[in-house]
Amino acid sequence: MSANKEFVSYIEEQLAPLGFLSTGPFFGGRDIKYHGNQFAWIIGSTLYLRVSDITRPEFEAEGAQPFKYMTKKGEVTVRKFYTAPEFLLDDTEQLLAWSRRAIESAA
């Protein structure tokens, strides 16, 4: 599934205060990098943020799920990227705060 262009534009606009961001194609979607470090990506209309062992429990507490995809051998779970909790999409300040922590996790 490709990234929804309108959603990508919305997220880029919300994250603009972070400073130097770049985006590009990634795994059928769009990655989001801060100074070359990928901290987020979008598939369809879903934003995934990079997590660490420290931040993962907070994502899980909010009901966030790790990225998963199917292969011929079965399901693969990528536990470095979790869905952004829904409330972040309506709260720019929180989205920026969680994104800053994702940037730290990616560094």
PDB file of N, CA and C in Angstrom:
ATOM      1  N   MET A   1       0.851  -1.182   0.000  1.00  0.00           N
ATOM      2  CA  MET A   1       0.000   0.000   0.000  1.00  0.00           C
ATOM      3  C   MET A   1       0.890   1.236   0.000  1.00  0.00           C
ATOM      4  N   SER A   2       0.575   2.172  -0.834  1.00  0.00           N
ATOM      5  CA  SER A   2       1.351   3.404  -0.903  1.00  0.00           C
ATOM      6  C   SER A   2       0.854   4.399   0.145  1.00  0.00           C
ATOM      7  N   ALA A   3       1.609   5.462   0.300  1.00  0.00           N
ATOM      8  CA  ALA A   3       1.246   6.504   1.263  1.00  0.00           C
ATOM      9  C   ALA A   3       0.192   7.423   0.661  1.00  0.00           C
ATOM     10  N   ASN A   4      -0.779   7.790   1.461  1.00  0.00           N
ATOM     11  CA  ASN A   4      -1.817   8.740   1.068  1.00  0.00           C
ATOM     12  C   ASN A   4      -1.170  10.128   0.978  1.00  0.00           C
ATOM     13  N   LYS A   5      -1.176  10.728  -0.218  1.00  0.00           N
ATOM     14  CA  LYS A   5      -0.482  11.998  -0.443  1.00  0.00           C
ATOM     15  C   LYS A   5      -0.988  13.112   0.462  1.00  0.00           C
ATOM     16  N   GLU A   6      -2.295  13.187   0.662  1.00  0.00           N
ATOM     17  CA  GLU A   6      -2.853  14.237   1.517  1.00  0.00           C
ATOM     18  C   GLU A   6      -2.412  14.042   2.968  1.00  0.00           C
ATOM     19  N   PHE A   7      -2.377  12.782   3.407  1.00  0.00           N
ATOM     20  CA  PHE A   7      -1.952  12.493   4.777  1.00  0.00           C
ATOM     21  C   PHE A   7      -0.476  12.836   4.952  1.00  0.00           C
ATOM     22  N   VAL A   8       0.344  12.478   3.965  1.00  0.00           N
ATOM     23  CA  VAL A   8       1.766  12.817   4.021  1.00  0.00           C
ATOM     24  C   VAL A   8       1.937  14.325   4.141  1.00  0.00           C
ATOM     25  N   SER A   9       1.221  15.080   3.335  1.00  0.00           N
ATOM     26  CA  SER A   9       1.305  16.551   3.386  1.00  0.00           C
ATOM     27  C   SER A   9       0.895  17.077   4.756  1.00  0.00           C
ATOM     28  N   TYR A  10      -0.179  16.521   5.308  1.00  0.00           N
ATOM     29  CA  TYR A  10      -0.651  16.943   6.631  1.00  0.00           C
ATOM     30  C   TYR A  10       0.426  16.690   7.689  1.00  0.00           C
ATOM     31  N   ILE A  11       1.007  15.490   7.680  1.00  0.00           N
ATOM     32  CA  ILE A  11       2.028  15.155   8.681  1.00  0.00           C
ATOM     33  C   ILE A  11       3.266  16.032   8.486  1.00  0.00           C
ATOM     34  N   GLU A  12       3.677  16.249   7.247  1.00  0.00           N
ATOM     35  CA  GLU A  12       4.832  17.123   7.004  1.00  0.00           C
ATOM     36  C   GLU A  12       4.582  18.522   7.553  1.00  0.00           C
ATOM     37  N   GLU A  13       3.383  19.026   7.365  1.00  0.00           N
ATOM     38  CA  GLU A  13       3.029  20.351   7.876  1.00  0.00           C
ATOM     39  C   GLU A  13       3.079  20.375   9.405  1.00  0.00           C
ATOM     40  N   GLN A  14       2.549  19.329  10.040  1.00  0.00           N
ATOM     41  CA  GLN A  14       2.535  19.266  11.497  1.00  0.00           C
ATOM     42  C   GLN A  14       3.949  19.151  12.072  1.00  0.00           C
ATOM     43  N   LEU A  15       4.835  18.461  11.347  1.00  0.00           N
ATOM     44  CA  LEU A  15       6.195  18.229  11.844  1.00  0.00           C
ATOM     45  C   LEU A  15       7.187  19.308  11.436  1.00  0.00           C
ATOM     46  N   ALA A  16       6.768  20.262  10.626  1.00  0.00           N
ATOM     47  CA  ALA A  16       7.658  21.309  10.137  1.00  0.00           C
ATOM     48  C   ALA A  16       8.436  22.025  11.250  1.00  0.00           C
ATOM     49  N   PRO A  17       7.834  22.273  12.430  1.00  0.00           N
ATOM     50  CA  PRO A  17       8.597  22.954  13.482  1.00  0.00           C
ATOM     51  C   PRO A  17       9.837  22.185  13.963  1.00  0.00           C
ATOM     52  N   LEU A  18       9.948  20.899  13.622  1.00  0.00           N
ATOM     53  CA  LEU A  18      11.121  20.127  14.037  1.00  0.00           C
ATOM     54  C   LEU A  18      12.381  20.571  13.315  1.00  0.00           C
ATOM     55  N   GLY A  19      12.213  21.193  12.161  1.00  0.00           N
ATOM     56  CA  GLY A  19      13.380  21.659  11.423  1.00  0.00           C
ATOM     57  C   GLY A  19      13.674  20.806  10.214  1.00  0.00           C
ATOM     58  N   PHE A  20      14.936  20.442  10.037  1.00  0.00           N
ATOM     59  CA  PHE A  20      15.410  19.790   8.822  1.00  0.00           C
ATOM     60  C   PHE A  20      14.844  18.382   8.663  1.00  0.00           C
ATOM     61  N   LEU A  21      13.776  18.271   7.861  1.00  0.00           N
ATOM     62  CA  LEU A  21      13.163  16.978   7.569  1.00  0.00           C
ATOM     63  C   LEU A  21      13.286  16.683   6.087  1.00  0.00           C
ATOM     64  N   SER A  22      13.383  15.406   5.767  1.00  0.00           N
ATOM     65  CA  SER A  22      13.336  14.984   4.371  1.00  0.00           C
ATOM     66  C   SER A  22      12.438  13.756   4.299  1.00  0.00           C
ATOM     67  N   THR A  23      11.837  13.565   3.142  1.00  0.00           N
ATOM     68  CA  THR A  23      10.993  12.394   2.937  1.00  0.00           C
ATOM     69  C   THR A  23      11.397  11.731   1.629  1.00  0.00           C
ATOM     70  N   GLY A  24      11.088  10.464   1.541  1.00  0.00           N
ATOM     71  CA  GLY A  24      11.386   9.724   0.327  1.00  0.00           C
ATOM     72  C   GLY A  24      10.641   8.416   0.327  1.00  0.00           C
ATOM     73  N   PRO A  25      10.683   7.704  -0.790  1.00  0.00           N
ATOM     74  CA  PRO A  25       9.995   6.419  -0.860  1.00  0.00           C
ATOM     75  C   PRO A  25      10.649   5.408   0.077  1.00  0.00           C
ATOM     76  N   PHE A  26       9.816   4.607   0.725  1.00  0.00           N
ATOM     77  CA  PHE A  26      10.326   3.593   1.652  1.00  0.00           C
ATOM     78  C   PHE A  26       9.290   2.496   1.804  1.00  0.00           C
ATOM     79  N   PHE A  27       9.628   1.293   1.432  1.00  0.00           N
ATOM     80  CA  PHE A  27       8.808   0.109   1.680  1.00  0.00           C
ATOM     81  C   PHE A  27       7.357   0.309   1.212  1.00  0.00           C
ATOM     82  N   GLY A  28       7.208   0.962   0.071  1.00  0.00           N
ATOM     83  CA  GLY A  28       5.875   1.209  -0.466  1.00  0.00           C
ATOM     84  C   GLY A  28       5.193   2.446   0.092  1.00  0.00           C
ATOM     85  N   GLY A  29       5.811   3.118   1.029  1.00  0.00           N
ATOM     86  CA  GLY A  29       5.239   4.328   1.625  1.00  0.00           C
ATOM     87  C   GLY A  29       6.220   5.477   1.518  1.00  0.00           C
ATOM     88  N   ARG A  30       6.224   6.348   2.522  1.00  0.00           N
ATOM     89  CA  ARG A  30       7.137   7.493   2.581  1.00  0.00           C
ATOM     90  C   ARG A  30       7.836   7.499   3.925  1.00  0.00           C
ATOM     91  N   ASP A  31       9.157   7.609   3.893  1.00  0.00           N
ATOM     92  CA  ASP A  31       9.871   7.746   5.156  1.00  0.00           C
ATOM     93  C   ASP A  31       9.985   9.217   5.514  1.00  0.00           C
ATOM     94  N   ILE A  32      10.245   9.475   6.770  1.00  0.00           N
ATOM     95  CA  ILE A  32      10.476  10.833   7.261  1.00  0.00           C
ATOM     96  C   ILE A  32      11.773  10.771   8.056  1.00  0.00           C
ATOM     97  N   LYS A  33      12.716  11.597   7.643  1.00  0.00           N
ATOM     98  CA  LYS A  33      14.034  11.609   8.282  1.00  0.00           C
ATOM     99  C   LYS A  33      14.324  12.988   8.865  1.00  0.00           C
ATOM    100  N   TYR A  34      15.067  12.968   9.954  1.00  0.00           N
ATOM    101  CA  TYR A  34      15.561  14.185  10.581  1.00  0.00           C
ATOM    102  C   TYR A  34      17.074  14.116  10.503  1.00  0.00           C
ATOM    103  N   HIS A  35      17.681  15.036   9.763  1.00  0.00           N
ATOM    104  CA  HIS A  35      19.131  15.026   9.538  1.00  0.00           C
ATOM    105  C   HIS A  35      19.616  13.645   9.108  1.00  0.00           C
ATOM    106  N   GLY A  36      18.860  13.009   8.213  1.00  0.00           N
ATOM    107  CA  GLY A  36      19.264  11.733   7.643  1.00  0.00           C
ATOM    108  C   GLY A  36      18.882  10.499   8.430  1.00  0.00           C
ATOM    109  N   ASN A  37      18.349  10.655   9.644  1.00  0.00           N
ATOM    110  CA  ASN A  37      17.947   9.508  10.459  1.00  0.00           C
ATOM    111  C   ASN A  37      16.439   9.295  10.353  1.00  0.00           C
ATOM    112  N   GLN A  38      16.046   8.127   9.886  1.00  0.00           N
ATOM    113  CA  GLN A  38      14.622   7.838   9.744  1.00  0.00           C
ATOM    114  C   GLN A  38      13.992   7.620  11.115  1.00  0.00           C
ATOM    115  N   PHE A  39      13.005   8.453  11.420  1.00  0.00           N
ATOM    116  CA  PHE A  39      12.309   8.330  12.694  1.00  0.00           C
ATOM    117  C   PHE A  39      10.827   8.031  12.518  1.00  0.00           C
ATOM    118  N   ALA A  40      10.340   8.096  11.285  1.00  0.00           N
ATOM    119  CA  ALA A  40       8.925   7.846  11.043  1.00  0.00           C
ATOM    120  C   ALA A  40       8.724   7.411   9.602  1.00  0.00           C
ATOM    121  N   TRP A  41       7.568   6.819   9.343  1.00  0.00           N
ATOM    122  CA  TRP A  41       7.171   6.545   7.979  1.00  0.00           C
ATOM    123  C   TRP A  41       5.671   6.388   7.913  1.00  0.00           C
ATOM    124  N   ILE A  42       5.179   6.523   6.699  1.00  0.00           N
ATOM    125  CA  ILE A  42       3.736   6.499   6.471  1.00  0.00           C
ATOM    126  C   ILE A  42       3.427   5.430   5.431  1.00  0.00           C
ATOM    127  N   ILE A  43       2.469   4.583   5.769  1.00  0.00           N
ATOM    128  CA  ILE A  43       1.902   3.614   4.833  1.00  0.00           C
ATOM    129  C   ILE A  43       0.405   3.911   4.811  1.00  0.00           C
ATOM    130  N   GLY A  44      -0.140   4.140   3.631  1.00  0.00           N
ATOM    131  CA  GLY A  44      -1.556   4.503   3.540  1.00  0.00           C
ATOM    132  C   GLY A  44      -1.797   5.789   4.297  1.00  0.00           C
ATOM    133  N   SER A  45      -2.672   5.726   5.280  1.00  0.00           N
ATOM    134  CA  SER A  45      -2.937   6.869   6.162  1.00  0.00           C
ATOM    135  C   SER A  45      -2.541   6.536   7.595  1.00  0.00           C
ATOM    136  N   THR A  46      -1.484   5.754   7.728  1.00  0.00           N
ATOM    137  CA  THR A  46      -1.001   5.372   9.053  1.00  0.00           C
ATOM    138  C   THR A  46       0.415   5.887   9.243  1.00  0.00           C
ATOM    139  N   LEU A  47       0.619   6.599  10.337  1.00  0.00           N
ATOM    140  CA  LEU A  47       1.937   7.099  10.709  1.00  0.00           C
ATOM    141  C   LEU A  47       2.563   6.124  11.690  1.00  0.00           C
ATOM    142  N   TYR A  48       3.786   5.738  11.404  1.00  0.00           N
ATOM    143  CA  TYR A  48       4.570   4.883  12.304  1.00  0.00           C
ATOM    144  C   TYR A  48       5.723   5.712  12.841  1.00  0.00           C
ATOM    145  N   LEU A  49       6.001   5.567  14.134  1.00  0.00           N
ATOM    146  CA  LEU A  49       7.119   6.267  14.757  1.00  0.00           C
ATOM    147  C   LEU A  49       8.124   5.247  15.283  1.00  0.00           C
ATOM    148  N   ARG A  50       9.380   5.630  15.256  1.00  0.00           N
ATOM    149  CA  ARG A  50      10.459   4.772  15.759  1.00  0.00           C
ATOM    150  C   ARG A  50      10.360   4.710  17.276  1.00  0.00           C
ATOM    151  N   VAL A  51      10.551   3.523  17.812  1.00  0.00           N
ATOM    152  CA  VAL A  51      10.529   3.338  19.262  1.00  0.00           C
ATOM    153  C   VAL A  51      11.860   2.748  19.722  1.00  0.00           C
ATOM    154  N   SER A  52      12.077   2.832  21.000  1.00  0.00           N
ATOM    155  CA  SER A  52      13.230   2.199  21.640  1.00  0.00           C
ATOM    156  C   SER A  52      12.684   1.308  22.751  1.00  0.00           C
ATOM    157  N   ASP A  53      13.561   0.594  23.412  1.00  0.00           N
ATOM    158  CA  ASP A  53      13.119  -0.228  24.538  1.00  0.00           C
ATOM    159  C   ASP A  53      12.508   0.639  25.635  1.00  0.00           C
ATOM    160  N   ILE A  54      12.933   1.888  25.712  1.00  0.00           N
ATOM    161  CA  ILE A  54      12.405   2.806  26.736  1.00  0.00           C
ATOM    162  C   ILE A  54      11.022   3.326  26.355  1.00  0.00           C
ATOM    163  N   THR A  55      10.819   3.683  25.087  1.00  0.00           N
ATOM    164  CA  THR A  55       9.546   4.286  24.685  1.00  0.00           C
ATOM    165  C   THR A  55       8.479   3.272  24.275  1.00  0.00           C
ATOM    166  N   ARG A  56       8.886   2.053  23.916  1.00  0.00           N
ATOM    167  CA  ARG A  56       7.918   1.043  23.464  1.00  0.00           C
ATOM    168  C   ARG A  56       6.761   0.834  24.448  1.00  0.00           C
ATOM    169  N   PRO A  57       7.013   0.727  25.761  1.00  0.00           N
ATOM    170  CA  PRO A  57       5.884   0.523  26.689  1.00  0.00           C
ATOM    171  C   PRO A  57       4.849   1.649  26.646  1.00  0.00           C
ATOM    172  N   GLU A  58       5.282   2.879  26.412  1.00  0.00           N
ATOM    173  CA  GLU A  58       4.340   3.996  26.321  1.00  0.00           C
ATOM    174  C   GLU A  58       3.454   3.858  25.089  1.00  0.00           C
ATOM    175  N   PHE A  59       4.027   3.434  23.991  1.00  0.00           N
ATOM    176  CA  PHE A  59       3.241   3.204  22.779  1.00  0.00           C
ATOM    177  C   PHE A  59       2.233   2.087  23.029  1.00  0.00           C
ATOM    178  N   GLU A  60       2.695   0.998  23.615  1.00  0.00           N
ATOM    179  CA  GLU A  60       1.812  -0.137  23.878  1.00  0.00           C
ATOM    180  C   GLU A  60       0.693   0.241  24.839  1.00  0.00           C
ATOM    181  N   ALA A  61       0.988   1.084  25.831  1.00  0.00           N
ATOM    182  CA  ALA A  61      -0.037   1.529  26.780  1.00  0.00           C
ATOM    183  C   ALA A  61      -1.136   2.330  26.090  1.00  0.00           C
ATOM    184  N   GLU A  62      -0.801   2.973  24.977  1.00  0.00           N
ATOM    185  CA  GLU A  62      -1.779   3.763  24.215  1.00  0.00           C
ATOM    186  C   GLU A  62      -2.462   2.937  23.125  1.00  0.00           C
ATOM    187  N   GLY A  63      -2.180   1.638  23.102  1.00  0.00           N
ATOM    188  CA  GLY A  63      -2.814   0.762  22.122  1.00  0.00           C
ATOM    189  C   GLY A  63      -2.133   0.731  20.766  1.00  0.00           C
ATOM    190  N   ALA A  64      -0.951   1.333  20.658  1.00  0.00           N
ATOM    191  CA  ALA A  64      -0.208   1.331  19.398  1.00  0.00           C
ATOM    192  C   ALA A  64       0.262  -0.076  19.085  1.00  0.00           C
ATOM    193  N   GLN A  65       0.396  -0.361  17.792  1.00  0.00           N
ATOM    194  CA  GLN A  65       0.793  -1.687  17.331  1.00  0.00           C
ATOM    195  C   GLN A  65       2.074  -1.598  16.509  1.00  0.00           C
ATOM    196  N   PRO A  66       2.921  -2.636  16.602  1.00  0.00           N
ATOM    197  CA  PRO A  66       4.118  -2.643  15.759  1.00  0.00           C
ATOM    198  C   PRO A  66       3.734  -2.866  14.301  1.00  0.00           C
ATOM    199  N   PHE A  67       4.604  -2.430  13.402  1.00  0.00           N
ATOM    200  CA  PHE A  67       4.372  -2.656  11.981  1.00  0.00           C
ATOM    201  C   PHE A  67       4.486  -4.148  11.696  1.00  0.00           C
ATOM    202  N   LYS A  68       3.537  -4.660  10.900  1.00  0.00           N
ATOM    203  CA  LYS A  68       3.533  -6.073  10.517  1.00  0.00           C
ATOM    204  C   LYS A  68       3.266  -6.187   9.024  1.00  0.00           C
ATOM    205  N   TYR A  69       3.854  -7.203   8.438  1.00  0.00           N
ATOM    206  CA  TYR A  69       3.573  -7.494   7.032  1.00  0.00           C
ATOM    207  C   TYR A  69       3.699  -8.996   6.804  1.00  0.00           C
ATOM    208  N   MET A  70       3.084  -9.433   5.727  1.00  0.00           N
ATOM    209  CA  MET A  70       3.080 -10.857   5.410  1.00  0.00           C
ATOM    210  C   MET A  70       4.109 -11.179   4.332  1.00  0.00           C
ATOM    211  N   THR A  71       4.748 -12.331   4.492  1.00  0.00           N
ATOM    212  CA  THR A  71       5.628 -12.886   3.476  1.00  0.00           C
ATOM    213  C   THR A  71       5.137 -14.295   3.180  1.00  0.00           C
ATOM    214  N   LYS A  72       5.758 -14.950   2.245  1.00  0.00           N
ATOM    215  CA  LYS A  72       5.402 -16.342   1.936  1.00  0.00           C
ATOM    216  C   LYS A  72       5.620 -17.249   3.133  1.00  0.00           C
ATOM    217  N   LYS A  73       6.536 -16.861   3.994  1.00  0.00           N
ATOM    218  CA  LYS A  73       6.849 -17.668   5.186  1.00  0.00           C
ATOM    219  C   LYS A  73       6.002 -17.299   6.399  1.00  0.00           C
ATOM    220  N   GLY A  74       5.172 -16.282   6.278  1.00  0.00           N
ATOM    221  CA  GLY A  74       4.316 -15.880   7.393  1.00  0.00           C
ATOM    222  C   GLY A  74       4.464 -14.415   7.742  1.00  0.00           C
ATOM    223  N   GLU A  75       3.890 -14.050   8.878  1.00  0.00           N
ATOM    224  CA  GLU A  75       3.878 -12.657   9.312  1.00  0.00           C
ATOM    225  C   GLU A  75       5.214 -12.250   9.917  1.00  0.00           C
ATOM    226  N   VAL A  76       5.649 -11.046   9.567  1.00  0.00           N
ATOM    227  CA  VAL A  76       6.868 -10.456  10.113  1.00  0.00           C
ATOM    228  C   VAL A  76       6.461  -9.233  10.922  1.00  0.00           C
ATOM    229  N   THR A  77       6.984  -9.124  12.137  1.00  0.00           N
ATOM    230  CA  THR A  77       6.707  -7.976  12.999  1.00  0.00           C
ATOM    231  C   THR A  77       7.972  -7.147  13.141  1.00  0.00           C
ATOM    232  N   VAL A  78       7.843  -5.849  12.880  1.00  0.00           N
ATOM    233  CA  VAL A  78       8.963  -4.916  12.992  1.00  0.00           C
ATOM    234  C   VAL A  78       8.734  -4.100  14.259  1.00  0.00           C
ATOM    235  N   ARG A  79       9.436  -4.457  15.317  1.00  0.00           N
ATOM    236  CA  ARG A  79       9.189  -3.841  16.618  1.00  0.00           C
ATOM    237  C   ARG A  79       9.947  -2.526  16.826  1.00  0.00           C
ATOM    238  N   LYS A  80      10.562  -2.009  15.782  1.00  0.00           N
ATOM    239  CA  LYS A  80      11.218  -0.701  15.866  1.00  0.00           C
ATOM    240  C   LYS A  80      10.273   0.426  15.485  1.00  0.00           C
ATOM    241  N   PHE A  81       9.175   0.104  14.815  1.00  0.00           N
ATOM    242  CA  PHE A  81       8.199   1.106  14.391  1.00  0.00           C
ATOM    243  C   PHE A  81       6.806   0.715  14.859  1.00  0.00           C
ATOM    244  N   TYR A  82       6.157   1.643  15.562  1.00  0.00           N
ATOM    245  CA  TYR A  82       4.798   1.430  16.067  1.00  0.00           C
ATOM    246  C   TYR A  82       3.870   2.495  15.496  1.00  0.00           C
ATOM    247  N   THR A  83       2.601   2.146  15.392  1.00  0.00           N
ATOM    248  CA  THR A  83       1.620   3.126  14.958  1.00  0.00           C
ATOM    249  C   THR A  83       1.614   4.292  15.947  1.00  0.00           C
ATOM    250  N   ALA A  84       1.455   5.485  15.409  1.00  0.00           N
ATOM    251  CA  ALA A  84       1.328   6.653  16.278  1.00  0.00           C
ATOM    252  C   ALA A  84      -0.034   6.588  16.955  1.00  0.00           C
ATOM    253  N   PRO A  85      -0.092   6.752  18.271  1.00  0.00           N
ATOM    254  CA  PRO A  85      -1.397   6.773  18.944  1.00  0.00           C
ATOM    255  C   PRO A  85      -2.317   7.815  18.303  1.00  0.00           C
ATOM    256  N   GLU A  86      -3.580   7.470  18.176  1.00  0.00           N
ATOM    257  CA  GLU A  86      -4.562   8.310  17.472  1.00  0.00           C
ATOM    258  C   GLU A  86      -4.601   9.753  17.974  1.00  0.00           C
ATOM    259  N   PHE A  87      -4.480   9.962  19.283  1.00  0.00           N
ATOM    260  CA  PHE A  87      -4.607  11.316  19.816  1.00  0.00           C
ATOM    261  C   PHE A  87      -3.523  12.255  19.289  1.00  0.00           C
ATOM    262  N   LEU A  88      -2.399  11.705  18.836  1.00  0.00           N
ATOM    263  CA  LEU A  88      -1.320  12.547  18.320  1.00  0.00           C
ATOM    264  C   LEU A  88      -1.713  13.266  17.041  1.00  0.00           C
ATOM    265  N   LEU A  89      -2.604  12.656  16.267  1.00  0.00           N
ATOM    266  CA  LEU A  89      -2.980  13.246  14.982  1.00  0.00           C
ATOM    267  C   LEU A  89      -3.848  14.481  15.143  1.00  0.00           C
ATOM    268  N   ASP A  90      -4.404  14.672  16.339  1.00  0.00           N
ATOM    269  CA  ASP A  90      -5.236  15.846  16.619  1.00  0.00           C
ATOM    270  C   ASP A  90      -4.576  16.833  17.572  1.00  0.00           C
ATOM    271  N   ASP A  91      -3.341  16.550  17.974  1.00  0.00           N
ATOM    272  CA  ASP A  91      -2.658  17.383  18.960  1.00  0.00           C
ATOM    273  C   ASP A  91      -1.217  17.610  18.490  1.00  0.00           C
ATOM    274  N   THR A  92      -1.008  18.716  17.803  1.00  0.00           N
ATOM    275  CA  THR A  92       0.299  18.981  17.203  1.00  0.00           C
ATOM    276  C   THR A  92       1.411  18.996  18.239  1.00  0.00           C
ATOM    277  N   GLU A  93       1.178  19.591  19.394  1.00  0.00           N
ATOM    278  CA  GLU A  93       2.232  19.666  20.415  1.00  0.00           C
ATOM    279  C   GLU A  93       2.644  18.271  20.886  1.00  0.00           C
ATOM    280  N   GLN A  94       1.667  17.406  21.098  1.00  0.00           N
ATOM    281  CA  GLN A  94       1.974  16.035  21.504  1.00  0.00           C
ATOM    282  C   GLN A  94       2.664  15.274  20.370  1.00  0.00           C
ATOM    283  N   LEU A  95       2.208  15.484  19.130  1.00  0.00           N
ATOM    284  CA  LEU A  95       2.844  14.834  17.984  1.00  0.00           C
ATOM    285  C   LEU A  95       4.314  15.244  17.897  1.00  0.00           C
ATOM    286  N   LEU A  96       4.582  16.516  18.105  1.00  0.00           N
ATOM    287  CA  LEU A  96       5.967  16.981  18.079  1.00  0.00           C
ATOM    288  C   LEU A  96       6.780  16.365  19.215  1.00  0.00           C
ATOM    289  N   ALA A  97       6.207  16.297  20.403  1.00  0.00           N
ATOM    290  CA  ALA A  97       6.916  15.722  21.549  1.00  0.00           C
ATOM    291  C   ALA A  97       7.239  14.241  21.313  1.00  0.00           C
ATOM    292  N   TRP A  98       6.250  13.488  20.856  1.00  0.00           N
ATOM    293  CA  TRP A  98       6.478  12.063  20.595  1.00  0.00           C
ATOM    294  C   TRP A  98       7.437  11.877  19.431  1.00  0.00           C
ATOM    295  N   SER A  99       7.389  12.760  18.442  1.00  0.00           N
ATOM    296  CA  SER A  99       8.297  12.682  17.298  1.00  0.00           C
ATOM    297  C   SER A  99       9.732  12.978  17.725  1.00  0.00           C
ATOM    298  N   ARG A 100       9.910  13.906  18.640  1.00  0.00           N
ATOM    299  CA  ARG A 100      11.247  14.200  19.157  1.00  0.00           C
ATOM    300  C   ARG A 100      11.836  12.961  19.843  1.00  0.00           C
ATOM    301  N   ARG A 101      10.998  12.237  20.552  1.00  0.00           N
ATOM    302  CA  ARG A 101      11.463  11.007  21.210  1.00  0.00           C
ATOM    303  C   ARG A 101      11.765   9.931  20.162  1.00  0.00           C
ATOM    304  N   ALA A 102      10.995   9.912  19.070  1.00  0.00           N
ATOM    305  CA  ALA A 102      11.275   8.979  17.974  1.00  0.00           C
ATOM    306  C   ALA A 102      12.607   9.331  17.308  1.00  0.00           C
ATOM    307  N   ILE A 103      12.883  10.635  17.184  1.00  0.00           N
ATOM    308  CA  ILE A 103      14.159  11.068  16.627  1.00  0.00           C
ATOM    309  C   ILE A 103      15.297  10.593  17.511  1.00  0.00           C
ATOM    310  N   GLU A 104      15.134  10.720  18.825  1.00  0.00           N
ATOM    311  CA  GLU A 104      16.159  10.232  19.763  1.00  0.00           C
ATOM    312  C   GLU A 104      16.346   8.726  19.626  1.00  0.00           C
ATOM    313  N   SER A 105      15.255   8.008  19.432  1.00  0.00           N
ATOM    314  CA  SER A 105      15.322   6.548  19.285  1.00  0.00           C
ATOM    315  C   SER A 105      16.043   6.154  18.001  1.00  0.00           C
ATOM    316  N   ALA A 106      15.949   6.986  16.975  1.00  0.00           N
ATOM    317  CA  ALA A 106      16.561   6.687  15.681  1.00  0.00           C
ATOM    318  C   ALA A 106      18.045   7.071  15.643  1.00  0.00           C
ATOM    319  N   ALA A 107      18.458   7.935  16.562  1.00  0.00           N
ATOM    320  CA  ALA A 107      19.836   8.439  16.527  1.00  0.00           C
ATOM    321  C   ALA A 107      20.858   7.381  16.920  1.00  0.00           C
TER     322      ALA A 107
END
